[in-house]
Amino acid sequence: MSGWSFSVLDVAPTPYAAAPELTARLRVEETSGQRVHAVALRCQVRIEPQRRGYAPEDEAGMRALFGDRDRWSQTLRPFQWMQCQTTVTGFTGSTEVDLPMPCTYDFDVAASRYLHALGDGTVPLSLMFSGTAFRIGDEGFEVRHVPWDCTTTYSLPVQVWRDLMAVFYPGSGWIRLDHDTVAALGGYRARHGLISWEETMGRLLADADEATPAEGAVAP
């Protein structure tokens, strides 16, 4: 009878990656004492926002996901960040392996919005493992499943996420818009003789602020 356990030793930005990616260094242990030929390992990574505290400056970004702070006791619930996979080569007892964790900046993804909302501290992660293990047993080649109850937790420093995004989007960011909205923004920019998208968005935000009554003011 074999037993599996997993632990995260470290998570860091993947060097020279073509797209934003973190690498988790895993320790994998198997207790049967027999040699494991290989493992096709899968992992579901979840964020558990209820496992950390939040500063007042985090509230603006958190509100869109979880509502006002007085509702957080009901709304802060675990949610999926990503699914990833790797292949573990042959070992006996224990080994270490890298797990690629592809990331996205996309603000339409709840996890990205959450990560952008955070100030300092850590991101509480839960990693749930499964997969297929292959080995040579007494009766020949064997295939065994890695059960879904193999889980571990890790506290990812927010700064690691920031460092990763800074490599791919230094001093900038992006939002996804449909073609009609992009065309409308282009027309606005051209009509007002604006020289950059930053200036265009700044002008739109300033116009919106001027059109919004000040807090406490009574509309005519």
N, C-alpha and C. Protein backbone atom coordinates (compact mmCIF):
# COMPACT_ATOMS: atom_id res chain seq x y z
N MET A 1 0.86 -1.20 0.00
CA MET A 1 0.00 0.00 0.00
C MET A 1 0.89 1.23 0.00
N SER A 2 0.67 2.16 -0.93
CA SER A 2 1.50 3.36 -1.01
C SER A 2 0.73 4.56 -0.50
N GLY A 3 1.50 5.52 0.00
CA GLY A 3 0.93 6.78 0.43
C GLY A 3 1.72 7.92 -0.19
N TRP A 4 1.01 8.98 -0.55
CA TRP A 4 1.64 10.11 -1.23
C TRP A 4 1.53 11.35 -0.35
N SER A 5 2.57 12.17 -0.41
CA SER A 5 2.51 13.49 0.22
C SER A 5 3.30 14.48 -0.64
N PHE A 6 2.84 15.73 -0.60
CA PHE A 6 3.44 16.79 -1.42
C PHE A 6 3.66 18.02 -0.54
N SER A 7 4.74 18.72 -0.80
CA SER A 7 4.99 20.00 -0.12
C SER A 7 5.64 20.96 -1.11
N VAL A 8 5.39 22.25 -0.90
CA VAL A 8 5.95 23.29 -1.75
C VAL A 8 7.16 23.88 -1.05
N LEU A 9 8.31 23.79 -1.68
CA LEU A 9 9.54 24.32 -1.10
C LEU A 9 9.74 25.78 -1.42
N ASP A 10 9.32 26.20 -2.62
CA ASP A 10 9.52 27.59 -3.04
C ASP A 10 8.68 27.84 -4.29
N VAL A 11 8.34 29.11 -4.52
CA VAL A 11 7.69 29.54 -5.76
C VAL A 11 8.40 30.80 -6.23
N ALA A 12 8.80 30.83 -7.49
CA ALA A 12 9.54 31.98 -8.02
C ALA A 12 9.19 32.17 -9.49
N PRO A 13 9.39 33.39 -10.04
CA PRO A 13 9.17 33.59 -11.48
C PRO A 13 10.06 32.66 -12.30
N THR A 14 9.49 32.14 -13.38
CA THR A 14 10.25 31.26 -14.26
C THR A 14 11.18 32.09 -15.14
N PRO A 15 12.50 31.86 -15.08
CA PRO A 15 13.41 32.66 -15.90
C PRO A 15 13.27 32.34 -17.39
N TYR A 16 13.33 33.38 -18.21
CA TYR A 16 13.33 33.25 -19.68
C TYR A 16 12.05 32.64 -20.24
N ALA A 17 10.95 32.72 -19.51
CA ALA A 17 9.68 32.20 -20.03
C ALA A 17 9.14 33.14 -21.11
N ALA A 18 8.42 32.57 -22.08
CA ALA A 18 7.85 33.38 -23.16
C ALA A 18 6.61 34.14 -22.72
N ALA A 19 5.95 33.68 -21.67
CA ALA A 19 4.75 34.32 -21.13
C ALA A 19 4.85 34.27 -19.61
N PRO A 20 4.05 35.08 -18.89
CA PRO A 20 4.14 35.09 -17.43
C PRO A 20 3.94 33.69 -16.83
N GLU A 21 4.90 33.28 -16.02
CA GLU A 21 4.83 31.94 -15.43
C GLU A 21 5.63 31.89 -14.14
N LEU A 22 5.05 31.25 -13.13
CA LEU A 22 5.76 30.94 -11.90
C LEU A 22 6.19 29.47 -11.93
N THR A 23 7.20 29.15 -11.16
CA THR A 23 7.62 27.77 -11.01
C THR A 23 7.58 27.41 -9.53
N ALA A 24 6.82 26.36 -9.19
CA ALA A 24 6.78 25.85 -7.82
C ALA A 24 7.73 24.67 -7.71
N ARG A 25 8.62 24.74 -6.73
CA ARG A 25 9.51 23.60 -6.47
C ARG A 25 8.83 22.68 -5.47
N LEU A 26 8.51 21.46 -5.91
CA LEU A 26 7.75 20.51 -5.09
C LEU A 26 8.66 19.42 -4.54
N ARG A 27 8.32 18.97 -3.35
CA ARG A 27 8.89 17.73 -2.83
C ARG A 27 7.78 16.68 -2.85
N VAL A 28 8.06 15.56 -3.49
CA VAL A 28 7.09 14.48 -3.66
C VAL A 28 7.61 13.27 -2.87
N GLU A 29 6.75 12.70 -2.05
CA GLU A 29 7.13 11.53 -1.26
C GLU A 29 6.13 10.40 -1.48
N GLU A 30 6.66 9.16 -1.57
CA GLU A 30 5.84 7.97 -1.77
C GLU A 30 6.37 6.89 -0.82
N THR A 31 5.48 6.28 -0.03
CA THR A 31 5.91 5.52 1.14
C THR A 31 5.99 4.01 0.96
N SER A 32 5.73 3.47 -0.22
CA SER A 32 5.73 2.02 -0.38
C SER A 32 7.13 1.41 -0.35
N GLY A 33 8.14 2.21 -0.64
CA GLY A 33 9.51 1.70 -0.73
C GLY A 33 9.86 1.14 -2.08
N GLN A 34 8.89 1.01 -2.98
CA GLN A 34 9.14 0.53 -4.34
C GLN A 34 9.49 1.71 -5.25
N ARG A 35 10.23 1.42 -6.32
CA ARG A 35 10.61 2.47 -7.24
C ARG A 35 9.42 2.88 -8.11
N VAL A 36 9.18 4.18 -8.19
CA VAL A 36 8.17 4.75 -9.08
C VAL A 36 8.85 5.09 -10.40
N HIS A 37 8.32 4.56 -11.49
CA HIS A 37 8.93 4.78 -12.80
C HIS A 37 8.70 6.22 -13.29
N ALA A 38 7.45 6.73 -13.13
CA ALA A 38 7.12 8.08 -13.55
C ALA A 38 5.74 8.42 -13.00
N VAL A 39 5.45 9.73 -12.92
CA VAL A 39 4.13 10.20 -12.50
C VAL A 39 3.67 11.31 -13.44
N ALA A 40 2.49 11.15 -14.01
CA ALA A 40 1.83 12.24 -14.74
C ALA A 40 1.01 13.00 -13.70
N LEU A 41 1.56 14.12 -13.23
CA LEU A 41 1.01 14.82 -12.07
C LEU A 41 0.17 16.02 -12.50
N ARG A 42 -1.01 16.13 -11.92
CA ARG A 42 -1.89 17.27 -12.14
C ARG A 42 -2.10 18.02 -10.83
N CYS A 43 -2.32 19.31 -10.94
CA CYS A 43 -2.49 20.12 -9.73
C CYS A 43 -3.53 21.21 -9.98
N GLN A 44 -4.46 21.34 -9.06
CA GLN A 44 -5.41 22.45 -9.06
C GLN A 44 -4.99 23.42 -7.95
N VAL A 45 -4.74 24.66 -8.34
CA VAL A 45 -4.29 25.67 -7.39
C VAL A 45 -5.46 26.60 -7.07
N ARG A 46 -5.78 26.72 -5.78
CA ARG A 46 -6.88 27.57 -5.34
C ARG A 46 -6.35 28.66 -4.42
N ILE A 47 -6.98 29.82 -4.49
CA ILE A 47 -6.70 30.92 -3.57
C ILE A 47 -7.73 30.87 -2.45
N GLU A 48 -7.25 31.00 -1.21
CA GLU A 48 -8.14 30.96 -0.05
C GLU A 48 -8.09 32.32 0.66
N PRO A 49 -8.87 33.29 0.18
CA PRO A 49 -8.74 34.68 0.66
C PRO A 49 -9.10 34.85 2.13
N GLN A 50 -9.87 33.93 2.69
CA GLN A 50 -10.28 34.05 4.09
C GLN A 50 -9.13 33.77 5.06
N ARG A 51 -8.00 33.29 4.56
CA ARG A 51 -6.89 32.92 5.43
C ARG A 51 -5.90 34.06 5.68
N ARG A 52 -6.21 35.29 5.29
CA ARG A 52 -5.33 36.42 5.56
C ARG A 52 -6.15 37.65 5.90
N GLY A 53 -5.47 38.65 6.47
CA GLY A 53 -6.12 39.92 6.77
C GLY A 53 -5.88 40.93 5.66
N TYR A 54 -6.63 42.05 5.72
CA TYR A 54 -6.58 43.04 4.66
C TYR A 54 -6.51 44.45 5.25
N ALA A 55 -5.62 45.26 4.66
CA ALA A 55 -5.47 46.65 5.07
C ALA A 55 -6.57 47.49 4.42
N PRO A 56 -6.86 48.69 4.99
CA PRO A 56 -7.89 49.55 4.39
C PRO A 56 -7.64 49.86 2.92
N GLU A 57 -6.36 49.98 2.54
CA GLU A 57 -6.06 50.31 1.14
C GLU A 57 -6.35 49.16 0.18
N ASP A 58 -6.58 47.96 0.69
CA ASP A 58 -6.95 46.83 -0.17
C ASP A 58 -8.43 46.84 -0.56
N GLU A 59 -9.23 47.63 0.15
CA GLU A 59 -10.69 47.51 0.04
C GLU A 59 -11.23 47.87 -1.34
N ALA A 60 -10.65 48.89 -1.98
CA ALA A 60 -11.19 49.32 -3.27
C ALA A 60 -11.15 48.18 -4.29
N GLY A 61 -10.02 47.48 -4.39
CA GLY A 61 -9.92 46.38 -5.33
C GLY A 61 -10.71 45.16 -4.91
N MET A 62 -10.84 44.96 -3.59
CA MET A 62 -11.58 43.80 -3.09
C MET A 62 -13.09 43.95 -3.24
N ARG A 63 -13.57 45.19 -3.25
CA ARG A 63 -15.02 45.42 -3.25
C ARG A 63 -15.69 44.82 -4.48
N ALA A 64 -15.03 44.92 -5.64
CA ALA A 64 -15.64 44.40 -6.87
C ALA A 64 -15.79 42.88 -6.84
N LEU A 65 -14.95 42.20 -6.07
CA LEU A 65 -15.01 40.74 -5.99
C LEU A 65 -15.87 40.23 -4.84
N PHE A 66 -15.80 40.91 -3.68
CA PHE A 66 -16.41 40.38 -2.48
C PHE A 66 -17.40 41.32 -1.80
N GLY A 67 -17.65 42.48 -2.39
CA GLY A 67 -18.57 43.42 -1.77
C GLY A 67 -17.88 44.23 -0.67
N ASP A 68 -18.67 44.95 0.12
CA ASP A 68 -18.12 45.77 1.20
C ASP A 68 -17.56 44.89 2.32
N ARG A 69 -16.67 45.47 3.11
CA ARG A 69 -15.97 44.72 4.15
C ARG A 69 -16.93 44.02 5.12
N ASP A 70 -18.05 44.64 5.42
CA ASP A 70 -18.96 44.03 6.39
C ASP A 70 -19.61 42.74 5.87
N ARG A 71 -19.43 42.43 4.58
CA ARG A 71 -19.95 41.18 4.02
C ARG A 71 -18.87 40.11 3.87
N TRP A 72 -17.63 40.42 4.18
CA TRP A 72 -16.54 39.51 3.86
C TRP A 72 -16.60 38.20 4.64
N SER A 73 -17.21 38.21 5.80
CA SER A 73 -17.32 36.95 6.55
C SER A 73 -18.14 35.91 5.79
N GLN A 74 -19.02 36.37 4.89
CA GLN A 74 -19.81 35.45 4.07
C GLN A 74 -19.26 35.28 2.65
N THR A 75 -18.57 36.31 2.13
CA THR A 75 -18.19 36.28 0.71
C THR A 75 -16.76 35.82 0.45
N LEU A 76 -15.88 35.89 1.45
CA LEU A 76 -14.50 35.43 1.25
C LEU A 76 -14.48 33.91 1.25
N ARG A 77 -14.48 33.34 0.07
CA ARG A 77 -14.50 31.89 -0.09
C ARG A 77 -13.40 31.46 -1.07
N PRO A 78 -12.87 30.25 -0.94
CA PRO A 78 -11.82 29.78 -1.87
C PRO A 78 -12.32 29.78 -3.31
N PHE A 79 -11.41 30.10 -4.23
CA PHE A 79 -11.74 30.04 -5.65
C PHE A 79 -10.51 29.60 -6.44
N GLN A 80 -10.76 29.04 -7.61
CA GLN A 80 -9.67 28.46 -8.41
C GLN A 80 -8.83 29.54 -9.06
N TRP A 81 -7.52 29.35 -9.01
CA TRP A 81 -6.59 30.22 -9.72
C TRP A 81 -6.19 29.57 -11.05
N MET A 82 -5.76 28.32 -11.02
CA MET A 82 -5.28 27.69 -12.25
C MET A 82 -5.27 26.18 -12.08
N GLN A 83 -5.11 25.48 -13.22
CA GLN A 83 -4.78 24.06 -13.23
C GLN A 83 -3.47 23.89 -14.00
N CYS A 84 -2.58 23.08 -13.47
CA CYS A 84 -1.29 22.90 -14.11
C CYS A 84 -0.86 21.44 -13.99
N GLN A 85 0.22 21.10 -14.67
CA GLN A 85 0.65 19.71 -14.69
C GLN A 85 2.14 19.61 -14.98
N THR A 86 2.71 18.48 -14.61
CA THR A 86 4.11 18.20 -14.90
C THR A 86 4.32 16.70 -14.89
N THR A 87 5.50 16.28 -15.32
CA THR A 87 5.88 14.86 -15.28
C THR A 87 7.00 14.68 -14.27
N VAL A 88 6.79 13.74 -13.36
CA VAL A 88 7.81 13.41 -12.36
C VAL A 88 8.57 12.20 -12.85
N THR A 89 9.89 12.33 -12.95
CA THR A 89 10.70 11.20 -13.42
C THR A 89 10.92 10.19 -12.29
N GLY A 90 11.54 9.06 -12.64
CA GLY A 90 11.66 7.95 -11.71
C GLY A 90 12.34 8.29 -10.40
N PHE A 91 11.85 7.69 -9.30
CA PHE A 91 12.44 7.91 -7.97
C PHE A 91 11.99 6.81 -7.02
N THR A 92 12.69 6.72 -5.91
CA THR A 92 12.30 5.82 -4.82
C THR A 92 12.26 6.63 -3.54
N GLY A 93 11.14 6.61 -2.87
CA GLY A 93 11.01 7.32 -1.59
C GLY A 93 10.57 8.76 -1.76
N SER A 94 11.45 9.60 -2.28
CA SER A 94 11.11 11.02 -2.44
C SER A 94 11.95 11.64 -3.55
N THR A 95 11.46 12.74 -4.06
CA THR A 95 12.18 13.48 -5.10
C THR A 95 11.69 14.91 -5.10
N GLU A 96 12.35 15.76 -5.87
CA GLU A 96 11.92 17.15 -6.06
C GLU A 96 11.69 17.39 -7.54
N VAL A 97 10.69 18.22 -7.85
CA VAL A 97 10.33 18.47 -9.24
C VAL A 97 9.78 19.88 -9.36
N ASP A 98 9.94 20.48 -10.55
CA ASP A 98 9.40 21.81 -10.83
C ASP A 98 8.00 21.69 -11.43
N LEU A 99 7.08 22.50 -10.91
CA LEU A 99 5.72 22.55 -11.43
C LEU A 99 5.49 23.92 -12.08
N PRO A 100 5.37 23.99 -13.42
CA PRO A 100 5.11 25.28 -14.08
C PRO A 100 3.70 25.77 -13.75
N MET A 101 3.59 27.07 -13.44
CA MET A 101 2.30 27.67 -13.08
C MET A 101 2.06 28.89 -13.98
N PRO A 102 1.45 28.68 -15.16
CA PRO A 102 1.20 29.80 -16.08
C PRO A 102 0.22 30.80 -15.48
N CYS A 103 0.52 32.09 -15.64
CA CYS A 103 -0.28 33.16 -15.04
C CYS A 103 -0.78 34.10 -16.12
N THR A 104 -1.73 34.93 -15.76
CA THR A 104 -2.26 35.94 -16.67
C THR A 104 -2.46 37.25 -15.93
N TYR A 105 -2.30 38.34 -16.67
CA TYR A 105 -2.54 39.68 -16.14
C TYR A 105 -4.01 40.07 -16.29
N ASP A 106 -4.75 39.33 -17.08
CA ASP A 106 -6.10 39.69 -17.54
C ASP A 106 -7.02 40.05 -16.37
N PHE A 107 -7.54 41.29 -16.37
CA PHE A 107 -8.43 41.75 -15.32
C PHE A 107 -9.80 41.09 -15.38
N ASP A 108 -10.13 40.39 -16.47
CA ASP A 108 -11.39 39.67 -16.53
C ASP A 108 -11.35 38.37 -15.72
N VAL A 109 -10.16 37.97 -15.29
CA VAL A 109 -9.99 36.77 -14.48
C VAL A 109 -10.01 37.16 -13.01
N ALA A 110 -10.89 36.52 -12.23
CA ALA A 110 -11.07 36.90 -10.83
C ALA A 110 -9.77 36.84 -10.03
N ALA A 111 -8.96 35.81 -10.26
CA ALA A 111 -7.71 35.67 -9.52
C ALA A 111 -6.77 36.84 -9.80
N SER A 112 -6.70 37.29 -11.04
CA SER A 112 -5.84 38.42 -11.37
C SER A 112 -6.32 39.69 -10.69
N ARG A 113 -7.61 39.91 -10.67
CA ARG A 113 -8.16 41.08 -10.00
C ARG A 113 -7.85 41.05 -8.51
N TYR A 114 -7.94 39.87 -7.92
CA TYR A 114 -7.63 39.71 -6.50
C TYR A 114 -6.16 40.03 -6.24
N LEU A 115 -5.27 39.49 -7.05
CA LEU A 115 -3.84 39.70 -6.85
C LEU A 115 -3.46 41.17 -7.04
N HIS A 116 -4.08 41.83 -8.00
CA HIS A 116 -3.80 43.25 -8.21
C HIS A 116 -4.33 44.10 -7.06
N ALA A 117 -5.34 43.62 -6.35
CA ALA A 117 -5.93 44.40 -5.27
C ALA A 117 -5.07 44.39 -4.01
N LEU A 118 -4.19 43.40 -3.87
CA LEU A 118 -3.45 43.24 -2.62
C LEU A 118 -2.30 44.22 -2.51
N GLY A 119 -2.05 44.63 -1.28
CA GLY A 119 -0.89 45.47 -1.01
C GLY A 119 0.32 44.61 -0.69
N ASP A 120 0.57 44.40 0.61
CA ASP A 120 1.69 43.58 1.03
C ASP A 120 1.20 42.23 1.55
N GLY A 121 2.12 41.46 2.11
CA GLY A 121 1.75 40.19 2.71
C GLY A 121 1.86 39.03 1.75
N THR A 122 1.01 38.03 1.93
CA THR A 122 1.08 36.80 1.15
C THR A 122 -0.28 36.44 0.57
N VAL A 123 -0.24 35.57 -0.42
CA VAL A 123 -1.45 35.02 -1.04
C VAL A 123 -1.62 33.59 -0.53
N PRO A 124 -2.68 33.27 0.22
CA PRO A 124 -2.85 31.92 0.75
C PRO A 124 -3.31 30.96 -0.35
N LEU A 125 -2.47 29.96 -0.64
CA LEU A 125 -2.78 29.00 -1.69
C LEU A 125 -3.04 27.62 -1.12
N SER A 126 -3.92 26.89 -1.80
CA SER A 126 -4.14 25.47 -1.54
C SER A 126 -3.89 24.72 -2.84
N LEU A 127 -3.04 23.71 -2.80
CA LEU A 127 -2.70 22.93 -3.99
C LEU A 127 -3.25 21.52 -3.82
N MET A 128 -4.08 21.11 -4.77
CA MET A 128 -4.74 19.80 -4.74
C MET A 128 -4.16 18.95 -5.88
N PHE A 129 -3.55 17.81 -5.51
CA PHE A 129 -2.83 17.00 -6.49
C PHE A 129 -3.63 15.75 -6.87
N SER A 130 -3.43 15.32 -8.09
CA SER A 130 -3.94 14.04 -8.58
C SER A 130 -3.02 13.62 -9.71
N GLY A 131 -3.29 12.45 -10.29
CA GLY A 131 -2.45 12.04 -11.40
C GLY A 131 -2.39 10.53 -11.53
N THR A 132 -1.44 10.08 -12.33
CA THR A 132 -1.27 8.66 -12.61
C THR A 132 0.19 8.28 -12.39
N ALA A 133 0.42 7.26 -11.57
CA ALA A 133 1.77 6.79 -11.28
C ALA A 133 2.02 5.46 -12.00
N PHE A 134 3.22 5.31 -12.55
CA PHE A 134 3.59 4.10 -13.29
C PHE A 134 4.81 3.47 -12.60
N ARG A 135 4.78 2.14 -12.43
CA ARG A 135 5.94 1.46 -11.86
C ARG A 135 5.89 -0.03 -12.22
N ILE A 136 7.04 -0.68 -12.03
CA ILE A 136 7.16 -2.12 -12.27
C ILE A 136 6.94 -2.83 -10.94
N GLY A 137 5.87 -3.61 -10.85
CA GLY A 137 5.57 -4.35 -9.63
C GLY A 137 5.91 -5.81 -9.75
N ASP A 138 5.50 -6.60 -8.76
CA ASP A 138 5.78 -8.04 -8.75
C ASP A 138 5.10 -8.76 -9.91
N GLU A 139 4.01 -8.23 -10.39
CA GLU A 139 3.27 -8.89 -11.48
C GLU A 139 3.38 -8.14 -12.79
N GLY A 140 4.39 -7.27 -12.92
CA GLY A 140 4.59 -6.55 -14.16
C GLY A 140 4.34 -5.06 -14.00
N PHE A 141 4.02 -4.44 -15.11
CA PHE A 141 3.82 -2.99 -15.14
C PHE A 141 2.52 -2.62 -14.43
N GLU A 142 2.57 -1.64 -13.52
CA GLU A 142 1.40 -1.22 -12.75
C GLU A 142 1.08 0.25 -12.99
N VAL A 143 -0.20 0.55 -12.98
CA VAL A 143 -0.68 1.93 -13.08
C VAL A 143 -1.54 2.22 -11.86
N ARG A 144 -1.19 3.23 -11.11
CA ARG A 144 -1.93 3.61 -9.91
C ARG A 144 -2.31 5.08 -9.98
N HIS A 145 -3.41 5.43 -9.32
CA HIS A 145 -3.85 6.82 -9.28
C HIS A 145 -3.30 7.52 -8.04
N VAL A 146 -2.93 8.79 -8.24
CA VAL A 146 -2.62 9.66 -7.10
C VAL A 146 -3.94 10.27 -6.65
N PRO A 147 -4.40 10.01 -5.42
CA PRO A 147 -5.74 10.43 -5.02
C PRO A 147 -5.85 11.94 -4.83
N TRP A 148 -7.10 12.44 -4.99
CA TRP A 148 -7.37 13.88 -4.89
C TRP A 148 -7.21 14.41 -3.47
N ASP A 149 -7.15 13.53 -2.47
CA ASP A 149 -7.01 14.05 -1.11
C ASP A 149 -5.57 14.43 -0.77
N CYS A 150 -4.67 14.36 -1.75
CA CYS A 150 -3.29 14.83 -1.55
C CYS A 150 -3.26 16.34 -1.74
N THR A 151 -3.19 17.07 -0.66
CA THR A 151 -3.22 18.53 -0.72
C THR A 151 -2.11 19.11 0.14
N THR A 152 -1.75 20.34 -0.14
CA THR A 152 -0.84 21.09 0.70
C THR A 152 -1.16 22.57 0.55
N THR A 153 -0.62 23.39 1.43
CA THR A 153 -0.84 24.83 1.38
C THR A 153 0.49 25.55 1.23
N TYR A 154 0.40 26.78 0.77
CA TYR A 154 1.61 27.61 0.61
C TYR A 154 1.19 29.07 0.66
N SER A 155 2.02 29.88 1.30
CA SER A 155 1.78 31.33 1.36
C SER A 155 2.72 32.01 0.38
N LEU A 156 2.16 32.44 -0.75
CA LEU A 156 2.94 33.06 -1.82
C LEU A 156 3.13 34.55 -1.52
N PRO A 157 4.36 35.04 -1.37
CA PRO A 157 4.54 36.48 -1.17
C PRO A 157 3.96 37.29 -2.33
N VAL A 158 3.21 38.32 -2.01
CA VAL A 158 2.64 39.17 -3.05
C VAL A 158 3.75 39.75 -3.94
N GLN A 159 4.90 40.02 -3.34
CA GLN A 159 6.00 40.60 -4.10
C GLN A 159 6.47 39.70 -5.23
N VAL A 160 6.36 38.38 -5.05
CA VAL A 160 6.74 37.45 -6.12
C VAL A 160 5.84 37.67 -7.34
N TRP A 161 4.54 37.83 -7.10
CA TRP A 161 3.61 38.13 -8.20
C TRP A 161 3.95 39.46 -8.85
N ARG A 162 4.24 40.49 -8.06
CA ARG A 162 4.59 41.79 -8.62
C ARG A 162 5.85 41.73 -9.46
N ASP A 163 6.84 41.00 -8.97
CA ASP A 163 8.09 40.87 -9.72
C ASP A 163 7.85 40.20 -11.07
N LEU A 164 6.98 39.19 -11.08
CA LEU A 164 6.67 38.50 -12.34
C LEU A 164 6.00 39.45 -13.32
N MET A 165 4.99 40.20 -12.88
CA MET A 165 4.30 41.13 -13.77
C MET A 165 5.21 42.26 -14.24
N ALA A 166 6.15 42.68 -13.37
CA ALA A 166 7.07 43.77 -13.74
C ALA A 166 8.01 43.36 -14.87
N VAL A 167 8.30 42.06 -14.96
CA VAL A 167 9.17 41.58 -16.04
C VAL A 167 8.47 41.69 -17.39
N PHE A 168 7.18 41.32 -17.43
CA PHE A 168 6.46 41.28 -18.70
C PHE A 168 5.72 42.58 -19.01
N TYR A 169 5.37 43.37 -18.00
CA TYR A 169 4.64 44.63 -18.22
C TYR A 169 5.29 45.73 -17.38
N PRO A 170 6.55 46.07 -17.67
CA PRO A 170 7.26 47.05 -16.84
C PRO A 170 6.60 48.43 -16.91
N GLY A 171 6.16 48.93 -15.76
CA GLY A 171 5.58 50.27 -15.69
C GLY A 171 4.29 50.44 -16.46
N SER A 172 3.60 49.34 -16.79
CA SER A 172 2.38 49.45 -17.60
C SER A 172 1.45 48.30 -17.29
N GLY A 173 0.29 48.28 -17.93
CA GLY A 173 -0.68 47.21 -17.80
C GLY A 173 -1.59 47.23 -19.00
N TRP A 174 -2.58 46.34 -19.02
CA TRP A 174 -3.51 46.32 -20.14
C TRP A 174 -4.86 45.81 -19.67
N ILE A 175 -5.87 46.23 -20.40
CA ILE A 175 -7.22 45.72 -20.20
C ILE A 175 -7.75 45.30 -21.58
N ARG A 176 -8.63 44.28 -21.58
CA ARG A 176 -9.17 43.75 -22.83
C ARG A 176 -10.49 44.45 -23.14
N LEU A 177 -10.60 44.98 -24.36
CA LEU A 177 -11.81 45.68 -24.80
C LEU A 177 -12.28 45.11 -26.13
N ASP A 178 -13.58 45.20 -26.39
CA ASP A 178 -14.07 44.72 -27.69
C ASP A 178 -13.77 45.75 -28.77
N HIS A 179 -13.93 45.34 -30.03
CA HIS A 179 -13.52 46.18 -31.15
C HIS A 179 -14.30 47.50 -31.20
N ASP A 180 -15.59 47.46 -30.90
CA ASP A 180 -16.39 48.69 -30.96
C ASP A 180 -15.90 49.71 -29.93
N THR A 181 -15.54 49.24 -28.74
CA THR A 181 -15.05 50.16 -27.71
C THR A 181 -13.70 50.74 -28.11
N VAL A 182 -12.82 49.91 -28.67
CA VAL A 182 -11.52 50.41 -29.13
C VAL A 182 -11.71 51.46 -30.23
N ALA A 183 -12.64 51.20 -31.15
CA ALA A 183 -12.90 52.16 -32.23
C ALA A 183 -13.45 53.48 -31.67
N ALA A 184 -14.35 53.38 -30.68
CA ALA A 184 -14.91 54.59 -30.08
C ALA A 184 -13.82 55.40 -29.35
N LEU A 185 -12.93 54.71 -28.65
CA LEU A 185 -11.82 55.39 -27.99
C LEU A 185 -10.89 56.06 -29.00
N GLY A 186 -10.65 55.34 -30.12
CA GLY A 186 -9.80 55.93 -31.17
C GLY A 186 -10.43 57.18 -31.77
N GLY A 187 -11.76 57.15 -31.95
CA GLY A 187 -12.43 58.33 -32.46
C GLY A 187 -12.36 59.50 -31.49
N TYR A 188 -12.55 59.23 -30.21
CA TYR A 188 -12.46 60.27 -29.18
C TYR A 188 -11.05 60.87 -29.16
N ARG A 189 -10.06 60.02 -29.23
CA ARG A 189 -8.67 60.50 -29.23
C ARG A 189 -8.40 61.40 -30.43
N ALA A 190 -8.88 60.99 -31.61
CA ALA A 190 -8.64 61.78 -32.81
C ALA A 190 -9.37 63.12 -32.76
N ARG A 191 -10.63 63.13 -32.29
CA ARG A 191 -11.41 64.36 -32.25
C ARG A 191 -10.79 65.41 -31.32
N HIS A 192 -10.15 64.94 -30.26
CA HIS A 192 -9.59 65.87 -29.28
C HIS A 192 -8.09 66.10 -29.46
N GLY A 193 -7.52 65.51 -30.51
CA GLY A 193 -6.11 65.73 -30.80
C GLY A 193 -5.18 65.23 -29.71
N LEU A 194 -5.53 64.12 -29.08
CA LEU A 194 -4.72 63.57 -27.98
C LEU A 194 -3.62 62.69 -28.55
N ILE A 195 -2.44 62.75 -27.94
CA ILE A 195 -1.27 62.12 -28.56
C ILE A 195 -1.00 60.71 -28.06
N SER A 196 -1.65 60.27 -26.98
CA SER A 196 -1.37 58.94 -26.45
C SER A 196 -2.64 58.36 -25.82
N TRP A 197 -2.63 57.03 -25.62
CA TRP A 197 -3.76 56.39 -24.95
C TRP A 197 -3.83 56.81 -23.48
N GLU A 198 -2.67 57.03 -22.84
CA GLU A 198 -2.68 57.49 -21.45
C GLU A 198 -3.37 58.85 -21.35
N GLU A 199 -3.05 59.75 -22.29
CA GLU A 199 -3.69 61.07 -22.28
C GLU A 199 -5.19 60.94 -22.55
N THR A 200 -5.55 60.03 -23.45
CA THR A 200 -6.97 59.81 -23.76
C THR A 200 -7.74 59.34 -22.54
N MET A 201 -7.22 58.33 -21.86
CA MET A 201 -7.91 57.82 -20.68
C MET A 201 -7.93 58.85 -19.56
N GLY A 202 -6.83 59.60 -19.42
CA GLY A 202 -6.80 60.65 -18.41
C GLY A 202 -7.86 61.71 -18.67
N ARG A 203 -8.05 62.08 -19.92
CA ARG A 203 -9.06 63.08 -20.28
C ARG A 203 -10.47 62.55 -19.98
N LEU A 204 -10.73 61.29 -20.33
CA LEU A 204 -12.03 60.70 -20.06
C LEU A 204 -12.32 60.64 -18.56
N LEU A 205 -11.33 60.26 -17.78
CA LEU A 205 -11.52 60.18 -16.33
C LEU A 205 -11.75 61.56 -15.73
N ALA A 206 -11.02 62.56 -16.22
CA ALA A 206 -11.21 63.93 -15.72
C ALA A 206 -12.60 64.43 -16.06
N ASP A 207 -13.07 64.16 -17.29
CA ASP A 207 -14.42 64.58 -17.68
C ASP A 207 -15.47 63.88 -16.82
N ALA A 208 -15.25 62.60 -16.51
CA ALA A 208 -16.20 61.87 -15.67
C ALA A 208 -16.24 62.44 -14.26
N ASP A 209 -15.08 62.80 -13.71
CA ASP A 209 -15.04 63.40 -12.38
C ASP A 209 -15.77 64.73 -12.34
N GLU A 210 -15.61 65.53 -13.39
CA GLU A 210 -16.28 66.83 -13.44
C GLU A 210 -17.80 66.66 -13.55
N ALA A 211 -18.23 65.58 -14.19
CA ALA A 211 -19.67 65.36 -14.38
C ALA A 211 -20.33 64.72 -13.16
N THR A 212 -19.51 64.20 -12.23
CA THR A 212 -20.06 63.54 -11.04
C THR A 212 -20.16 64.54 -9.90
N PRO A 213 -21.33 64.71 -9.28
CA PRO A 213 -21.47 65.64 -8.15
C PRO A 213 -20.56 65.24 -7.00
N ALA A 214 -19.99 66.21 -6.34
CA ALA A 214 -19.13 65.95 -5.20
C ALA A 214 -19.92 65.26 -4.10
N GLU A 215 -19.22 64.44 -3.30
CA GLU A 215 -19.87 63.68 -2.24
C GLU A 215 -20.55 64.66 -1.25
N GLY A 216 -21.81 64.41 -0.99
CA GLY A 216 -22.55 65.25 -0.07
C GLY A 216 -23.28 66.40 -0.77
N ALA A 217 -22.95 66.64 -2.06
CA ALA A 217 -23.61 67.71 -2.78
C ALA A 217 -25.02 67.29 -3.18
N VAL A 218 -25.89 68.24 -3.30
CA VAL A 218 -27.27 67.97 -3.70
C VAL A 218 -27.42 68.32 -5.17
N ALA A 219 -27.83 67.33 -5.97
CA ALA A 219 -28.01 67.57 -7.40
C ALA A 219 -29.14 68.56 -7.62
N PRO A 220 -29.01 69.49 -8.60
CA PRO A 220 -30.08 70.45 -8.87
C PRO A 220 -31.33 69.78 -9.40
